[in-house]
C-alpha atoms as a PDB file:
ATOM      1  CA  MET A   1       0.000   0.000   0.000  1.00  0.00           C
ATOM      2  CA  SER A   2       1.476   3.363  -0.955  1.00  0.00           C
ATOM      3  CA  THR A   3       2.178   6.035   1.671  1.00  0.00           C
ATOM      4  CA  SER A   4       0.106   8.576  -0.267  1.00  0.00           C
ATOM      5  CA  ALA A   5      -2.971   6.405   0.270  1.00  0.00           C
ATOM      6  CA  LEU A   6      -2.187   6.338   3.976  1.00  0.00           C
ATOM      7  CA  MET A   7      -1.628  10.098   4.131  1.00  0.00           C
ATOM      8  CA  GLU A   8      -5.032  10.783   2.644  1.00  0.00           C
ATOM      9  CA  ARG A   9      -6.843   9.011   5.427  1.00  0.00           C
ATOM     10  CA  ILE A  10      -5.152  10.541   8.441  1.00  0.00           C
ATOM     11  CA  PRO A  11      -6.427  14.152   8.307  1.00  0.00           C
ATOM     12  CA  SER A  12      -9.992  13.028   8.988  1.00  0.00           C
ATOM     13  CA  LYS A  13      -8.820  12.145  12.516  1.00  0.00           C
ATOM     14  CA  TRP A  14      -7.787  15.741  13.140  1.00  0.00           C
ATOM     15  CA  PRO A  15     -10.262  17.209  15.677  1.00  0.00           C
ATOM     16  CA  ARG A  16     -12.941  19.293  14.057  1.00  0.00           C
ATOM     17  CA  PRO A  17     -12.983  22.830  15.463  1.00  0.00           C
ATOM     18  CA  VAL A  18     -15.769  23.989  17.740  1.00  0.00           C
ATOM     19  CA  TRP A  19     -17.682  26.976  16.336  1.00  0.00           C
ATOM     20  CA  HIS A  20     -16.934  30.212  18.200  1.00  0.00           C
ATOM     21  CA  ALA A  21     -18.582  33.576  17.683  1.00  0.00           C
ATOM     22  CA  PRO A  22     -16.258  36.301  16.358  1.00  0.00           C
ATOM     23  CA  TRP A  23     -15.038  38.905  18.839  1.00  0.00           C
ATOM     24  CA  LYS A  24     -15.534  42.639  18.465  1.00  0.00           C
ATOM     25  CA  ASN A  25     -14.126  45.742  20.111  1.00  0.00           C
ATOM     26  CA  TYR A  26     -16.800  47.444  22.230  1.00  0.00           C
ATOM     27  CA  ARG A  27     -14.843  49.975  24.276  1.00  0.00           C
ATOM     28  CA  VAL A  28     -11.669  52.027  23.979  1.00  0.00           C
ATOM     29  CA  ILE A  29     -10.233  53.403  27.220  1.00  0.00           C
ATOM     30  CA  SER A  30      -7.809  56.335  27.179  1.00  0.00           C
ATOM     31  CA  GLY A  31      -5.816  57.790  30.036  1.00  0.00           C
ATOM     32  CA  HIS A  32      -2.258  56.493  29.861  1.00  0.00           C
ATOM     33  CA  LEU A  33       0.340  58.830  28.361  1.00  0.00           C
ATOM     34  CA  GLY A  34       2.598  56.078  27.047  1.00  0.00           C
ATOM     35  CA  TRP A  35       2.471  52.578  25.592  1.00  0.00           C
ATOM     36  CA  VAL A  36       0.374  50.253  27.745  1.00  0.00           C
ATOM     37  CA  ARG A  37       2.604  47.277  28.548  1.00  0.00           C
ATOM     38  CA  SER A  38       0.941  45.046  31.155  1.00  0.00           C
ATOM     39  CA  ILE A  39      -2.395  44.040  32.642  1.00  0.00           C
ATOM     40  CA  ALA A  40      -3.875  41.990  35.477  1.00  0.00           C
ATOM     41  CA  PHE A  41      -7.415  41.378  36.711  1.00  0.00           C
ATOM     42  CA  ASP A  42      -8.567  41.464  40.304  1.00  0.00           C
ATOM     43  CA  PRO A  43      -9.887  38.013  41.400  1.00  0.00           C
ATOM     44  CA  SER A  44     -13.347  39.476  42.181  1.00  0.00           C
ATOM     45  CA  ASN A  45     -13.513  40.731  38.560  1.00  0.00           C
ATOM     46  CA  THR A  46     -14.571  44.247  39.549  1.00  0.00           C
ATOM     47  CA  TRP A  47     -11.396  46.064  38.455  1.00  0.00           C
ATOM     48  CA  PHE A  48      -8.224  45.537  36.472  1.00  0.00           C
ATOM     49  CA  CYS A  49      -4.848  47.261  36.506  1.00  0.00           C
ATOM     50  CA  THR A  50      -2.601  48.315  33.645  1.00  0.00           C
ATOM     51  CA  GLY A  51       1.049  49.344  33.645  1.00  0.00           C
ATOM     52  CA  SER A  52       2.490  51.714  31.111  1.00  0.00           C
ATOM     53  CA  ALA A  53       5.615  53.318  29.685  1.00  0.00           C
ATOM     54  CA  ASP A  54       4.316  56.504  31.358  1.00  0.00           C
ATOM     55  CA  ARG A  55       5.586  54.857  34.592  1.00  0.00           C
ATOM     56  CA  THR A  56       2.138  54.710  36.186  1.00  0.00           C
ATOM     57  CA  ILE A  57      -0.177  51.862  37.126  1.00  0.00           C
ATOM     58  CA  LYS A  58      -3.844  52.648  36.587  1.00  0.00           C
ATOM     59  CA  ILE A  59      -6.785  50.816  38.094  1.00  0.00           C
ATOM     60  CA  TRP A  60      -9.967  50.688  35.999  1.00  0.00           C
ATOM     61  CA  ASP A  61     -13.529  49.609  36.668  1.00  0.00           C
ATOM     62  CA  VAL A  62     -14.374  46.476  34.634  1.00  0.00           C
ATOM     63  CA  GLY A  63     -18.051  47.311  34.142  1.00  0.00           C
ATOM     64  CA  SER A  64     -17.788  50.980  33.152  1.00  0.00           C
ATOM     65  CA  GLY A  65     -14.152  51.319  32.036  1.00  0.00           C
ATOM     66  CA  ARG A  66     -13.753  54.331  34.338  1.00  0.00           C
ATOM     67  CA  LEU A  67     -10.446  55.176  35.992  1.00  0.00           C
ATOM     68  CA  ARG A  68     -10.455  54.474  39.718  1.00  0.00           C
ATOM     69  CA  LEU A  69      -6.878  55.203  40.722  1.00  0.00           C
ATOM     70  CA  THR A  70      -3.392  56.047  39.444  1.00  0.00           C
ATOM     71  CA  LEU A  71      -0.356  54.701  41.299  1.00  0.00           C
ATOM     72  CA  THR A  72       3.127  56.165  40.882  1.00  0.00           C
ATOM     73  CA  GLY A  73       6.448  54.845  42.117  1.00  0.00           C
ATOM     74  CA  HIS A  74       8.203  53.160  39.203  1.00  0.00           C
ATOM     75  CA  ILE A  75      10.751  55.253  37.323  1.00  0.00           C
ATOM     76  CA  GLU A  76      10.644  53.282  34.054  1.00  0.00           C
ATOM     77  CA  GLN A  77       7.965  51.415  32.099  1.00  0.00           C
ATOM     78  CA  ILE A  78       6.007  48.698  33.883  1.00  0.00           C
ATOM     79  CA  ARG A  79       6.142  45.355  32.115  1.00  0.00           C
ATOM     80  CA  GLY A  80       4.636  42.970  34.651  1.00  0.00           C
ATOM     81  CA  LEU A  81       1.577  43.036  36.934  1.00  0.00           C
ATOM     82  CA  ALA A  82      -0.173  40.448  39.083  1.00  0.00           C
ATOM     83  CA  VAL A  83      -2.929  40.614  41.692  1.00  0.00           C
ATOM     84  CA  SER A  84      -2.930  38.160  44.573  1.00  0.00           C
ATOM     85  CA  LYS A  85      -5.905  35.859  45.125  1.00  0.00           C
ATOM     86  CA  HIS A  86      -5.041  35.420  48.801  1.00  0.00           C
ATOM     87  CA  HIS A  87      -4.091  38.916  49.960  1.00  0.00           C
ATOM     88  CA  THR A  88      -4.949  42.522  49.153  1.00  0.00           C
ATOM     89  CA  TYR A  89      -1.668  42.782  47.280  1.00  0.00           C
ATOM     90  CA  MET A  90      -0.720  43.776  43.772  1.00  0.00           C
ATOM     91  CA  PHE A  91       2.762  43.175  42.352  1.00  0.00           C
ATOM     92  CA  SER A  92       4.530  45.172  39.669  1.00  0.00           C
ATOM     93  CA  ALA A  93       7.850  44.968  37.862  1.00  0.00           C
ATOM     94  CA  GLY A  94       9.542  47.113  35.272  1.00  0.00           C
ATOM     95  CA  ASP A  95      12.549  48.304  33.331  1.00  0.00           C
ATOM     96  CA  ASP A  96      13.823  50.114  36.452  1.00  0.00           C
ATOM     97  CA  LYS A  97      14.894  46.651  37.869  1.00  0.00           C
ATOM     98  CA  GLN A  98      12.325  47.139  40.600  1.00  0.00           C
ATOM     99  CA  VAL A  99       9.777  44.601  41.790  1.00  0.00           C
ATOM    100  CA  LYS A 100       7.172  46.082  44.125  1.00  0.00           C
ATOM    101  CA  CYS A 101       4.375  44.833  46.344  1.00  0.00           C
ATOM    102  CA  TRP A 102       1.471  47.275  46.721  1.00  0.00           C
ATOM    103  CA  ASP A 103      -1.014  47.103  49.566  1.00  0.00           C
ATOM    104  CA  LEU A 104      -4.362  47.891  47.953  1.00  0.00           C
ATOM    105  CA  GLU A 105      -5.925  48.944  51.243  1.00  0.00           C
ATOM    106  CA  GLN A 106      -3.378  51.750  51.626  1.00  0.00           C
ATOM    107  CA  ASN A 107      -2.592  52.099  47.890  1.00  0.00           C
ATOM    108  CA  LYS A 108       1.101  52.224  48.546  1.00  0.00           C
ATOM    109  CA  VAL A 109       4.241  50.150  48.157  1.00  0.00           C
ATOM    110  CA  ILE A 110       4.910  48.062  51.255  1.00  0.00           C
ATOM    111  CA  ARG A 111       7.755  45.864  49.985  1.00  0.00           C
ATOM    112  CA  SER A 112      10.399  45.873  47.278  1.00  0.00           C
ATOM    113  CA  TYR A 113      12.340  42.851  46.036  1.00  0.00           C
ATOM    114  CA  HIS A 114      15.944  43.665  45.143  1.00  0.00           C
ATOM    115  CA  GLY A 115      18.177  41.494  43.003  1.00  0.00           C
ATOM    116  CA  HIS A 116      17.554  41.890  39.286  1.00  0.00           C
ATOM    117  CA  LEU A 117      20.556  43.376  37.491  1.00  0.00           C
ATOM    118  CA  SER A 118      18.514  44.922  34.675  1.00  0.00           C
ATOM    119  CA  GLY A 119      14.912  45.346  33.496  1.00  0.00           C
ATOM    120  CA  VAL A 120      12.256  42.925  34.743  1.00  0.00           C
ATOM    121  CA  TYR A 121      10.069  41.699  31.862  1.00  0.00           C
ATOM    122  CA  CYS A 122       7.573  39.279  33.382  1.00  0.00           C
ATOM    123  CA  LEU A 123       6.039  38.358  36.676  1.00  0.00           C
ATOM    124  CA  ALA A 124       3.807  35.592  38.058  1.00  0.00           C
ATOM    125  CA  LEU A 125       2.333  34.614  41.417  1.00  0.00           C
ATOM    126  CA  HIS A 126       2.356  30.977  42.497  1.00  0.00           C
ATOM    127  CA  PRO A 127      -1.256  29.734  42.839  1.00  0.00           C
ATOM    128  CA  THR A 128      -0.857  28.030  46.232  1.00  0.00           C
ATOM    129  CA  ILE A 129       2.282  29.207  48.037  1.00  0.00           C
ATOM    130  CA  ASP A 130       3.330  32.755  48.868  1.00  0.00           C
ATOM    131  CA  ILE A 131       6.040  33.154  46.287  1.00  0.00           C
ATOM    132  CA  LEU A 132       6.559  35.505  43.404  1.00  0.00           C
ATOM    133  CA  LEU A 133       8.439  34.777  40.167  1.00  0.00           C
ATOM    134  CA  THR A 134      10.114  37.472  38.086  1.00  0.00           C
ATOM    135  CA  GLY A 135      12.034  37.101  34.848  1.00  0.00           C
ATOM    136  CA  GLY A 136      14.271  39.684  33.316  1.00  0.00           C
ATOM    137  CA  ARG A 137      16.907  40.882  30.949  1.00  0.00           C
ATOM    138  CA  ASP A 138      19.610  39.399  33.183  1.00  0.00           C
ATOM    139  CA  SER A 139      18.494  35.953  31.839  1.00  0.00           C
ATOM    140  CA  VAL A 140      17.434  34.831  35.303  1.00  0.00           C
ATOM    141  CA  CYS A 141      14.037  33.948  36.740  1.00  0.00           C
ATOM    142  CA  ARG A 142      14.055  34.892  40.404  1.00  0.00           C
ATOM    143  CA  VAL A 143      11.887  33.268  43.058  1.00  0.00           C
ATOM    144  CA  TRP A 144      10.931  35.509  45.981  1.00  0.00           C
ATOM    145  CA  ASP A 145       9.333  34.848  49.341  1.00  0.00           C
ATOM    146  CA  ILE A 146       6.544  37.453  49.310  1.00  0.00           C
ATOM    147  CA  ARG A 147       6.616  38.164  53.052  1.00  0.00           C
ATOM    148  CA  SER A 148      10.320  38.094  53.921  1.00  0.00           C
ATOM    149  CA  LYS A 149      11.450  39.630  50.554  1.00  0.00           C
ATOM    150  CA  MET A 150      14.141  36.928  50.469  1.00  0.00           C
ATOM    151  CA  GLN A 151      15.259  35.578  47.131  1.00  0.00           C
ATOM    152  CA  ILE A 152      14.687  31.810  47.446  1.00  0.00           C
ATOM    153  CA  HIS A 153      16.254  30.873  44.099  1.00  0.00           C
ATOM    154  CA  ALA A 154      17.829  32.476  41.084  1.00  0.00           C
ATOM    155  CA  LEU A 155      16.783  30.099  38.303  1.00  0.00           C
ATOM    156  CA  SER A 156      19.650  30.467  35.874  1.00  0.00           C
ATOM    157  CA  GLY A 157      20.235  28.573  32.657  1.00  0.00           C
ATOM    158  CA  HIS A 158      18.733  30.735  29.927  1.00  0.00           C
ATOM    159  CA  ASP A 159      21.230  32.549  27.685  1.00  0.00           C
ATOM    160  CA  ASN A 160      19.060  35.589  27.102  1.00  0.00           C
ATOM    161  CA  THR A 161      16.170  37.640  28.500  1.00  0.00           C
ATOM    162  CA  VAL A 162      13.440  35.696  30.287  1.00  0.00           C
ATOM    163  CA  CYS A 163      10.373  37.329  28.767  1.00  0.00           C
ATOM    164  CA  SER A 164       7.517  35.018  29.786  1.00  0.00           C
ATOM    165  CA  VAL A 165       6.730  32.913  32.834  1.00  0.00           C
ATOM    166  CA  PHE A 166       3.805  30.994  34.242  1.00  0.00           C
ATOM    167  CA  THR A 167       3.431  28.903  37.346  1.00  0.00           C
ATOM    168  CA  ARG A 168       1.391  25.865  38.448  1.00  0.00           C
ATOM    169  CA  PRO A 169       0.522  24.137  41.732  1.00  0.00           C
ATOM    170  CA  THR A 170       2.335  20.895  40.738  1.00  0.00           C
ATOM    171  CA  ASP A 171       5.639  20.117  39.000  1.00  0.00           C
ATOM    172  CA  PRO A 172       6.832  21.708  36.818  1.00  0.00           C
ATOM    173  CA  GLN A 173       5.769  24.585  39.054  1.00  0.00           C
ATOM    174  CA  VAL A 174       7.648  27.160  37.012  1.00  0.00           C
ATOM    175  CA  VAL A 175       7.803  27.414  33.208  1.00  0.00           C
ATOM    176  CA  THR A 176       9.835  30.159  31.511  1.00  0.00           C
ATOM    177  CA  GLY A 177      10.193  31.311  27.915  1.00  0.00           C
ATOM    178  CA  SER A 178      13.183  33.268  26.735  1.00  0.00           C
ATOM    179  CA  HIS A 179      14.717  35.284  23.906  1.00  0.00           C
ATOM    180  CA  ASP A 180      17.171  32.358  23.625  1.00  0.00           C
ATOM    181  CA  SER A 181      14.200  30.586  21.938  1.00  0.00           C
ATOM    182  CA  THR A 182      13.923  27.853  24.580  1.00  0.00           C
ATOM    183  CA  ILE A 183      11.262  27.032  27.174  1.00  0.00           C
ATOM    184  CA  LYS A 184      12.451  25.646  30.502  1.00  0.00           C
ATOM    185  CA  PHE A 185      10.598  23.670  33.175  1.00  0.00           C
ATOM    186  CA  TRP A 186      12.056  24.225  36.647  1.00  0.00           C
ATOM    187  CA  ASP A 187      12.224  22.130  39.782  1.00  0.00           C
ATOM    188  CA  LEU A 188      11.219  24.615  42.474  1.00  0.00           C
ATOM    189  CA  ARG A 189      12.695  22.580  45.347  1.00  0.00           C
ATOM    190  CA  TYR A 190      16.229  22.512  44.001  1.00  0.00           C
ATOM    191  CA  GLY A 191      16.168  25.491  41.664  1.00  0.00           C
ATOM    192  CA  LYS A 192      17.288  23.341  38.724  1.00  0.00           C
ATOM    193  CA  THR A 193      16.112  22.866  35.140  1.00  0.00           C
ATOM    194  CA  MET A 194      13.940  19.765  34.666  1.00  0.00           C
ATOM    195  CA  VAL A 195      13.350  20.007  30.901  1.00  0.00           C
ATOM    196  CA  THR A 196      14.426  22.357  28.106  1.00  0.00           C
ATOM    197  CA  LEU A 197      12.164  22.563  25.039  1.00  0.00           C
ATOM    198  CA  THR A 198      14.025  23.613  21.898  1.00  0.00           C
ATOM    199  CA  ASN A 199      11.138  23.432  19.400  1.00  0.00           C
ATOM    200  CA  HIS A 200      11.028  27.172  18.678  1.00  0.00           C
ATOM    201  CA  LYS A 201      13.601  28.885  16.473  1.00  0.00           C
ATOM    202  CA  LYS A 202      12.970  32.433  17.732  1.00  0.00           C
ATOM    203  CA  SER A 203      12.258  34.249  21.023  1.00  0.00           C
ATOM    204  CA  VAL A 204       9.392  32.866  23.103  1.00  0.00           C
ATOM    205  CA  ARG A 205       7.762  36.107  24.211  1.00  0.00           C
ATOM    206  CA  ALA A 206       4.390  34.730  25.259  1.00  0.00           C
ATOM    207  CA  MET A 207       2.888  31.575  26.734  1.00  0.00           C
ATOM    208  CA  ALA A 208      -0.632  30.640  27.826  1.00  0.00           C
ATOM    209  CA  GLN A 209      -1.703  27.837  30.113  1.00  0.00           C
ATOM    210  CA  HIS A 210      -5.067  26.265  29.410  1.00  0.00           C
ATOM    211  CA  PRO A 211      -7.297  26.977  32.448  1.00  0.00           C
ATOM    212  CA  LYS A 212      -8.593  23.387  32.676  1.00  0.00           C
ATOM    213  CA  GLU A 213      -6.452  21.037  30.572  1.00  0.00           C
ATOM    214  CA  ASN A 214      -2.879  20.042  31.300  1.00  0.00           C
ATOM    215  CA  CYS A 215      -1.290  21.816  28.375  1.00  0.00           C
ATOM    216  CA  PHE A 216      -0.011  25.198  27.300  1.00  0.00           C
ATOM    217  CA  ALA A 217       0.765  27.126  24.145  1.00  0.00           C
ATOM    218  CA  SER A 218       3.802  29.234  23.373  1.00  0.00           C
ATOM    219  CA  ALA A 219       4.298  31.820  20.678  1.00  0.00           C
ATOM    220  CA  SER A 220       7.315  32.885  18.743  1.00  0.00           C
ATOM    221  CA  ALA A 221       7.726  34.666  15.420  1.00  0.00           C
ATOM    222  CA  ASP A 222       8.139  31.234  13.760  1.00  0.00           C
ATOM    223  CA  ASN A 223       4.987  29.546  15.031  1.00  0.00           C
ATOM    224  CA  ILE A 224       2.522  28.994  17.837  1.00  0.00           C
ATOM    225  CA  LYS A 225       3.015  25.575  19.386  1.00  0.00           C
ATOM    226  CA  LYS A 226       1.087  23.488  21.866  1.00  0.00           C
ATOM    227  CA  PHE A 227       2.752  21.288  24.489  1.00  0.00           C
ATOM    228  CA  SER A 228       1.450  18.868  27.087  1.00  0.00           C
ATOM    229  CA  LEU A 229       2.112  19.143  30.808  1.00  0.00           C
ATOM    230  CA  PRO A 230       3.796  17.930  32.940  1.00  0.00           C
ATOM    231  CA  LYS A 231       6.171  16.264  30.442  1.00  0.00           C
ATOM    232  CA  GLY A 232       6.327  18.903  27.738  1.00  0.00           C
ATOM    233  CA  GLU A 233       5.599  16.684  24.727  1.00  0.00           C
ATOM    234  CA  PHE A 234       5.080  18.719  21.560  1.00  0.00           C
ATOM    235  CA  LEU A 235       1.436  18.341  20.479  1.00  0.00           C
ATOM    236  CA  HIS A 236       1.105  20.403  17.304  1.00  0.00           C
ATOM    237  CA  ASN A 237       1.528  23.777  15.650  1.00  0.00           C
ATOM    238  CA  MET A 238      -1.427  26.092  15.164  1.00  0.00           C
ATOM    239  CA  LEU A 239      -2.849  25.756  11.672  1.00  0.00           C
ATOM    240  CA  SER A 240      -1.870  29.146  10.275  1.00  0.00           C
ATOM    241  CA  GLN A 241       0.953  31.590  10.842  1.00  0.00           C
ATOM    242  CA  GLN A 242       0.544  35.053  12.283  1.00  0.00           C
ATOM    243  CA  LYS A 243       3.625  36.520  10.595  1.00  0.00           C
ATOM    244  CA  THR A 244       4.604  38.986  13.275  1.00  0.00           C
ATOM    245  CA  ILE A 245       6.207  39.141  16.711  1.00  0.00           C
ATOM    246  CA  ILE A 246       3.561  37.865  19.137  1.00  0.00           C
ATOM    247  CA  ASN A 247       3.771  39.735  22.434  1.00  0.00           C
ATOM    248  CA  ALA A 248       0.887  38.232  24.343  1.00  0.00           C
ATOM    249  CA  MET A 249      -1.556  35.355  24.389  1.00  0.00           C
ATOM    250  CA  ALA A 250      -4.342  34.008  26.576  1.00  0.00           C
ATOM    251  CA  VAL A 251      -6.904  31.207  26.471  1.00  0.00           C
ATOM    252  CA  ASN A 252     -10.293  31.022  28.204  1.00  0.00           C
ATOM    253  CA  GLU A 253     -12.274  28.027  29.486  1.00  0.00           C
ATOM    254  CA  GLU A 254     -14.319  27.895  26.268  1.00  0.00           C
ATOM    255  CA  GLY A 255     -11.105  27.127  24.390  1.00  0.00           C
ATOM    256  CA  VAL A 256     -10.774  30.479  22.630  1.00  0.00           C
ATOM    257  CA  MET A 257      -7.144  31.481  22.412  1.00  0.00           C
ATOM    258  CA  ALA A 258      -6.249  35.075  21.543  1.00  0.00           C
ATOM    259  CA  THR A 259      -2.797  36.073  20.291  1.00  0.00           C
ATOM    260  CA  ALA A 260      -1.658  39.653  19.797  1.00  0.00           C
ATOM    261  CA  GLY A 261       1.063  40.981  17.551  1.00  0.00           C
ATOM    262  CA  ASP A 262       3.424  43.893  17.159  1.00  0.00           C
ATOM    263  CA  ASN A 263       1.551  44.880  13.991  1.00  0.00           C
ATOM    264  CA  GLY A 264      -1.784  45.243  15.820  1.00  0.00           C
ATOM    265  CA  SER A 265      -3.134  41.883  14.672  1.00  0.00           C
ATOM    266  CA  LEU A 266      -5.396  40.095  17.143  1.00  0.00           C
ATOM    267  CA  TRP A 267      -6.054  36.524  16.084  1.00  0.00           C
ATOM    268  CA  PHE A 268      -8.526  34.104  17.632  1.00  0.00           C
ATOM    269  CA  TRP A 269      -8.031  30.332  17.620  1.00  0.00           C
ATOM    270  CA  ASP A 270      -9.979  27.230  18.521  1.00  0.00           C
ATOM    271  CA  TRP A 271      -7.760  25.610  21.157  1.00  0.00           C
ATOM    272  CA  ARG A 272      -8.478  21.955  20.416  1.00  0.00           C
ATOM    273  CA  SER A 273      -8.010  21.912  16.664  1.00  0.00           C
ATOM    274  CA  GLY A 274      -5.604  24.846  16.291  1.00  0.00           C
ATOM    275  CA  HIS A 275      -7.957  26.417  13.743  1.00  0.00           C
ATOM    276  CA  ASN A 276      -7.642  30.196  13.368  1.00  0.00           C
ATOM    277  CA  PHE A 277     -11.273  31.352  13.169  1.00  0.00           C
ATOM    278  CA  GLN A 278     -10.824  35.125  13.224  1.00  0.00           C
ATOM    279  CA  GLN A 279      -8.169  37.661  12.267  1.00  0.00           C
ATOM    280  CA  ALA A 280      -8.952  41.075  13.728  1.00  0.00           C
ATOM    281  CA  GLN A 281      -6.840  44.185  13.365  1.00  0.00           C
ATOM    282  CA  THR A 282      -6.776  46.816  16.056  1.00  0.00           C
ATOM    283  CA  ILE A 283      -7.517  50.358  14.883  1.00  0.00           C
ATOM    284  CA  VAL A 284      -5.148  53.038  16.122  1.00  0.00           C
ATOM    285  CA  GLN A 285      -6.692  56.064  17.747  1.00  0.00           C
ATOM    286  CA  PRO A 286      -6.913  59.295  15.726  1.00  0.00           C
ATOM    287  CA  GLY A 287      -3.711  61.234  16.169  1.00  0.00           C
ATOM    288  CA  SER A 288      -1.571  58.115  16.502  1.00  0.00           C
ATOM    289  CA  LEU A 289       0.762  56.840  13.818  1.00  0.00           C
ATOM    290  CA  ASP A 290      -0.085  53.633  11.982  1.00  0.00           C
ATOM    291  CA  SER A 291       3.183  52.272  13.334  1.00  0.00           C
ATOM    292  CA  GLU A 292       1.586  52.509  16.779  1.00  0.00           C
ATOM    293  CA  ALA A 293      -0.747  49.614  15.979  1.00  0.00           C
ATOM    294  CA  GLY A 294       0.928  47.221  18.369  1.00  0.00           C
ATOM    295  CA  ILE A 295      -0.526  45.119  21.174  1.00  0.00           C
ATOM    296  CA  TYR A 296       1.811  44.473  24.104  1.00  0.00           C
ATOM    297  CA  ALA A 297      -0.353  42.611  26.581  1.00  0.00           C
ATOM    298  CA  LEU A 298      -3.770  41.049  26.845  1.00  0.00           C
ATOM    299  CA  SER A 299      -5.887  39.240  29.378  1.00  0.00           C
ATOM    300  CA  TYR A 300      -9.306  37.686  29.712  1.00  0.00           C
ATOM    301  CA  ASP A 301     -11.375  38.749  32.680  1.00  0.00           C
ATOM    302  CA  VAL A 302     -12.155  36.140  35.361  1.00  0.00           C
ATOM    303  CA  THR A 303     -15.247  34.897  33.488  1.00  0.00           C
ATOM    304  CA  GLY A 304     -13.441  34.637  30.148  1.00  0.00           C
ATOM    305  CA  THR A 305     -16.198  36.635  28.421  1.00  0.00           C
ATOM    306  CA  ARG A 306     -14.261  39.904  28.061  1.00  0.00           C
ATOM    307  CA  LEU A 307     -10.823  40.352  26.588  1.00  0.00           C
ATOM    308  CA  VAL A 308      -8.701  43.426  27.250  1.00  0.00           C
ATOM    309  CA  THR A 309      -5.768  44.468  25.050  1.00  0.00           C
ATOM    310  CA  CYS A 310      -3.006  46.939  25.987  1.00  0.00           C
ATOM    311  CA  GLU A 311      -1.711  48.906  23.049  1.00  0.00           C
ATOM    312  CA  ALA A 312       0.982  51.133  21.571  1.00  0.00           C
ATOM    313  CA  ASP A 313      -1.501  53.917  20.781  1.00  0.00           C
ATOM    314  CA  LYS A 314      -1.709  54.403  24.597  1.00  0.00           C
ATOM    315  CA  THR A 315      -5.220  52.908  24.777  1.00  0.00           C
ATOM    316  CA  ILE A 316      -6.774  49.866  26.394  1.00  0.00           C
ATOM    317  CA  LYS A 317      -9.390  48.108  24.268  1.00  0.00           C
ATOM    318  CA  MET A 318     -12.137  45.802  25.490  1.00  0.00           C
ATOM    319  CA  TRP A 319     -13.481  42.978  23.297  1.00  0.00           C
ATOM    320  CA  LYS A 320     -16.384  40.573  23.610  1.00  0.00           C
ATOM    321  CA  GLU A 321     -18.123  37.977  21.460  1.00  0.00           C
ATOM    322  CA  ASP A 322     -20.623  39.243  18.900  1.00  0.00           C
ATOM    323  CA  GLU A 323     -23.999  38.156  20.350  1.00  0.00           C
ATOM    324  CA  ASN A 324     -25.681  38.350  16.936  1.00  0.00           C
ATOM    325  CA  ALA A 325     -23.298  35.981  15.154  1.00  0.00           C
ATOM    326  CA  THR A 326     -24.448  32.454  14.332  1.00  0.00           C
ATOM    327  CA  PRO A 327     -22.807  29.504  12.562  1.00  0.00           C
ATOM    328  CA  GLU A 328     -24.877  30.601   9.524  1.00  0.00           C
ATOM    329  CA  THR A 329     -23.675  34.221   9.477  1.00  0.00           C
ATOM    330  CA  HIS A 330     -20.065  33.215  10.265  1.00  0.00           C
ATOM    331  CA  PRO A 331     -19.541  29.703   8.897  1.00  0.00           C
ATOM    332  CA  LEU A 332     -16.462  27.693   9.844  1.00  0.00           C
ATOM    333  CA  ASN A 333     -13.998  27.905   6.992  1.00  0.00           C
ATOM    334  CA  TYR A 334     -11.910  24.921   8.002  1.00  0.00           C
ATOM    335  CA  LYS A 335      -9.636  22.540   6.126  1.00  0.00           C
ATOM    336  CA  PRO A 336      -7.831  19.849   8.104  1.00  0.00           C
ATOM    337  CA  PRO A 337      -4.056  19.911   7.598  1.00  0.00           C
ATOM    338  CA  LYS A 338      -2.862  17.961   4.562  1.00  0.00           C
ATOM    339  CA  GLU A 339       0.771  17.651   5.482  1.00  0.00           C
ATOM    340  CA  LEU A 340       0.718  16.002   8.890  1.00  0.00           C
ATOM    341  CA  ARG A 341       4.432  15.893   9.438  1.00  0.00           C
ATOM    342  CA  ARG A 342       4.476  19.565  10.370  1.00  0.00           C
ATOM    343  CA  PHE A 343       1.931  19.004  13.104  1.00  0.00           C
END
């Protein structure tokens, strides 16, 4: 039997994508005076915070989009934000090498974590223990005890900036992506690398953990790839290529993954099949240059029904599914992959 006859039959096994409604921009929020670089939602889903190149952190109301508060203290742009689920704390990190803990009852900095030798690019809070992870241009991911401000580990092994990190309750508890194009899984007890994934050929600037399944996706200018956890087996590439630097990505419980590019492209994917069902383009605000159509960060709210993007035209844009769309008005235009070796 010829291999071509075999090849023809396999694609039918590829999972058929679930239909998702297209997303649309329903609100544009202005207020920052510089690029908006980072975002985090409060666990109660009533507010979210954004960090900007204007050196401020702003807190916005989720429902109305109104500004609640502006916090100052960083002296360079703010690239990482996280809000604790267990305390009234917010954490921020930026190009000024500073990592700060804000008490949201007093709206001021109560702790700083010193140790990074250059800009801090990403930040994550462990889901179950009181530790904070920060990755930076010094190629190290640092593990901090939130209360004592002690550095528990300096996770070193990357050869270049650590620009993305996420954390999990079980091993590997820390996963980092770097400009050296690798992804590393870390053993948090010993501070050592468990696994290094070398599937990408370019910087891994963004990663997204699936909220329910044991897998994650990572994005680089060469491709978006999906891997299993805890082992890190390569599952498949996404079925089309967003030819740009991808700065941010997120996936909700419905299996809608959003990826955002330097060129202002916002693409939506069906998680299971890797099918790209929508390619949106952000519109720069009047008075901005077209070159300012870049998205630097994005996040779903706690319910996964709103998506917020942080952009180079100094705005924050809110997106939601189009309630009027149906599978008839927006049919699935899907072809299973022919060439399975790439997947």
